[in-house]
Structures are given as structure tokens and as C-alpha cells.
Amino acid sequence: MTFEENIKALSDITKKLEENNLNLEESVELYQKGLSISAECEKQLCNAKLKIQEHKEREK
């Protein structure tokens, strides 16, 4: 998934969790999915930052 798709998925998960219509098991499952997506977002951001740093280094 793209970074933007991951952010949308996190937003959807947050909305579902805030609605309080889920049982405990469903809430925990969504929370864990959110943690996984969040980790992927962090990885994508780190990769983007690295690419920018590499580009800046080549310009020097």
C-alpha cells in the first residue's frame, strides 16, 4: 500500500475504534492492525527521508 493508502486505513481504523460498536476482540484486532500499518508508515517515511538525504549529498 502507498503511504497515503496507509494513512487512510489508519483513519478508518481510528473511526471504527472511536464508535465503540466493537467487542473487545474486534477492538484488539483493529488496534494490532493499526500498529502494523503505523510501523509500515514509519518505514516509508524513513525511506523517503533517506532518499532526500542521498539526493542532497549528490548535489554537494
N, C-alpha and C. Protein backbone atom coordinates (compact mmCIF):
# COMPACT_ATOMS: atom_id res chain seq x y z
N MET A 1 0.84 -1.19 0.00
CA MET A 1 0.00 0.00 0.00
C MET A 1 0.89 1.25 0.00
N THR A 2 0.37 2.30 -0.59
CA THR A 2 1.09 3.56 -0.58
C THR A 2 0.98 4.20 0.80
N PHE A 3 1.81 5.21 1.03
CA PHE A 3 1.75 5.94 2.30
C PHE A 3 0.36 6.53 2.50
N GLU A 4 -0.18 7.12 1.44
CA GLU A 4 -1.49 7.76 1.53
C GLU A 4 -2.59 6.73 1.83
N GLU A 5 -2.50 5.56 1.22
CA GLU A 5 -3.47 4.49 1.50
C GLU A 5 -3.37 4.03 2.95
N ASN A 6 -2.14 3.94 3.44
CA ASN A 6 -1.94 3.54 4.84
C ASN A 6 -2.52 4.58 5.80
N ILE A 7 -2.33 5.85 5.50
CA ILE A 7 -2.89 6.90 6.36
C ILE A 7 -4.41 6.82 6.36
N LYS A 8 -4.99 6.57 5.20
CA LYS A 8 -6.46 6.43 5.10
C LYS A 8 -6.93 5.23 5.92
N ALA A 9 -6.21 4.13 5.83
CA ALA A 9 -6.56 2.93 6.59
C ALA A 9 -6.48 3.20 8.09
N LEU A 10 -5.45 3.93 8.52
CA LEU A 10 -5.33 4.28 9.94
C LEU A 10 -6.49 5.17 10.38
N SER A 11 -6.88 6.09 9.53
CA SER A 11 -8.01 6.97 9.83
C SER A 11 -9.29 6.16 9.98
N ASP A 12 -9.49 5.21 9.08
CA ASP A 12 -10.69 4.35 9.14
C ASP A 12 -10.70 3.51 10.41
N ILE A 13 -9.55 2.98 10.78
CA ILE A 13 -9.45 2.17 12.00
C ILE A 13 -9.77 3.04 13.22
N THR A 14 -9.23 4.23 13.25
CA THR A 14 -9.47 5.14 14.37
C THR A 14 -10.96 5.43 14.51
N LYS A 15 -11.62 5.71 13.39
CA LYS A 15 -13.06 5.99 13.43
C LYS A 15 -13.83 4.80 13.97
N LYS A 16 -13.48 3.59 13.51
CA LYS A 16 -14.17 2.39 13.98
C LYS A 16 -13.97 2.19 15.48
N LEU A 17 -12.76 2.42 15.95
CA LEU A 17 -12.47 2.24 17.37
C LEU A 17 -13.20 3.29 18.21
N GLU A 18 -13.32 4.50 17.69
CA GLU A 18 -13.98 5.58 18.43
C GLU A 18 -15.50 5.40 18.49
N GLU A 19 -16.07 4.64 17.58
CA GLU A 19 -17.51 4.44 17.56
C GLU A 19 -18.00 3.57 18.71
N ASN A 20 -17.10 2.79 19.30
CA ASN A 20 -17.44 1.91 20.43
C ASN A 20 -18.50 0.87 20.09
N ASN A 21 -18.58 0.46 18.83
CA ASN A 21 -19.55 -0.56 18.42
C ASN A 21 -18.91 -1.94 18.30
N LEU A 22 -17.68 -2.07 18.70
CA LEU A 22 -16.95 -3.32 18.55
C LEU A 22 -16.80 -4.03 19.89
N ASN A 23 -16.73 -5.35 19.82
CA ASN A 23 -16.44 -6.07 21.05
C ASN A 23 -14.93 -6.01 21.30
N LEU A 24 -14.51 -6.49 22.43
CA LEU A 24 -13.11 -6.40 22.83
C LEU A 24 -12.19 -7.06 21.83
N GLU A 25 -12.54 -8.24 21.38
CA GLU A 25 -11.70 -8.98 20.44
C GLU A 25 -11.53 -8.20 19.13
N GLU A 26 -12.60 -7.65 18.62
CA GLU A 26 -12.53 -6.86 17.39
C GLU A 26 -11.68 -5.61 17.59
N SER A 27 -11.85 -4.98 18.74
CA SER A 27 -11.07 -3.77 19.05
C SER A 27 -9.59 -4.07 19.10
N VAL A 28 -9.23 -5.15 19.76
CA VAL A 28 -7.82 -5.53 19.87
C VAL A 28 -7.25 -5.86 18.49
N GLU A 29 -8.03 -6.56 17.68
CA GLU A 29 -7.60 -6.92 16.33
C GLU A 29 -7.35 -5.67 15.49
N LEU A 30 -8.27 -4.71 15.55
CA LEU A 30 -8.10 -3.47 14.80
C LEU A 30 -6.91 -2.67 15.33
N TYR A 31 -6.75 -2.66 16.64
CA TYR A 31 -5.61 -1.95 17.25
C TYR A 31 -4.29 -2.53 16.74
N GLN A 32 -4.19 -3.85 16.72
CA GLN A 32 -2.97 -4.51 16.26
C GLN A 32 -2.73 -4.21 14.77
N LYS A 33 -3.80 -4.21 13.99
CA LYS A 33 -3.68 -3.88 12.58
C LYS A 33 -3.18 -2.44 12.43
N GLY A 34 -3.70 -1.55 13.26
CA GLY A 34 -3.26 -0.16 13.24
C GLY A 34 -1.78 -0.02 13.57
N LEU A 35 -1.32 -0.79 14.55
CA LEU A 35 0.10 -0.76 14.91
C LEU A 35 0.97 -1.21 13.74
N SER A 36 0.52 -2.24 13.05
CA SER A 36 1.25 -2.76 11.90
C SER A 36 1.31 -1.72 10.78
N ILE A 37 0.18 -1.10 10.50
CA ILE A 37 0.14 -0.06 9.46
C ILE A 37 1.00 1.13 9.87
N SER A 38 0.94 1.49 11.12
CA SER A 38 1.75 2.60 11.62
C SER A 38 3.24 2.32 11.45
N ALA A 39 3.66 1.10 11.71
CA ALA A 39 5.05 0.71 11.54
C ALA A 39 5.45 0.80 10.06
N GLU A 40 4.55 0.41 9.19
CA GLU A 40 4.82 0.50 7.75
C GLU A 40 4.94 1.96 7.32
N CYS A 41 4.09 2.83 7.87
CA CYS A 41 4.19 4.27 7.57
C CYS A 41 5.53 4.82 8.02
N GLU A 42 5.96 4.43 9.19
CA GLU A 42 7.26 4.90 9.70
C GLU A 42 8.39 4.45 8.79
N LYS A 43 8.31 3.21 8.32
CA LYS A 43 9.31 2.68 7.40
C LYS A 43 9.31 3.48 6.10
N GLN A 44 8.12 3.77 5.59
CA GLN A 44 8.01 4.54 4.34
C GLN A 44 8.58 5.95 4.52
N LEU A 45 8.30 6.56 5.66
CA LEU A 45 8.84 7.91 5.92
C LEU A 45 10.36 7.88 6.04
N CYS A 46 10.89 6.88 6.69
CA CYS A 46 12.35 6.76 6.83
C CYS A 46 13.00 6.57 5.46
N ASN A 47 12.37 5.77 4.60
CA ASN A 47 12.90 5.57 3.26
C ASN A 47 12.87 6.87 2.46
N ALA A 48 11.80 7.62 2.59
CA ALA A 48 11.69 8.90 1.88
C ALA A 48 12.76 9.87 2.38
N LYS A 49 12.95 9.91 3.69
CA LYS A 49 13.97 10.79 4.27
C LYS A 49 15.36 10.41 3.77
N LEU A 50 15.63 9.12 3.71
CA LEU A 50 16.92 8.64 3.22
C LEU A 50 17.14 9.06 1.77
N LYS A 51 16.11 8.93 0.94
CA LYS A 51 16.22 9.33 -0.46
C LYS A 51 16.52 10.83 -0.59
N ILE A 52 15.88 11.63 0.24
CA ILE A 52 16.12 13.08 0.22
C ILE A 52 17.54 13.38 0.65
N GLN A 53 18.01 12.72 1.70
CA GLN A 53 19.38 12.93 2.17
C GLN A 53 20.39 12.53 1.11
N GLU A 54 20.14 11.40 0.44
CA GLU A 54 21.04 10.95 -0.61
C GLU A 54 21.06 11.95 -1.76
N HIS A 55 19.91 12.47 -2.11
CA HIS A 55 19.82 13.46 -3.18
C HIS A 55 20.60 14.72 -2.82
N LYS A 56 20.45 15.17 -1.58
CA LYS A 56 21.18 16.36 -1.13
C LYS A 56 22.68 16.13 -1.18
N GLU A 57 23.11 14.94 -0.78
CA GLU A 57 24.54 14.62 -0.78
C GLU A 57 25.11 14.64 -2.20
N ARG A 58 24.34 14.16 -3.17
CA ARG A 58 24.80 14.14 -4.55
C ARG A 58 24.90 15.55 -5.13
N GLU A 59 24.11 16.48 -4.61
CA GLU A 59 24.11 17.85 -5.11
C GLU A 59 25.30 18.65 -4.60
N LYS A 60 25.95 18.19 -3.56
CA LYS A 60 27.07 18.94 -2.97
C LYS A 60 28.27 18.91 -3.86
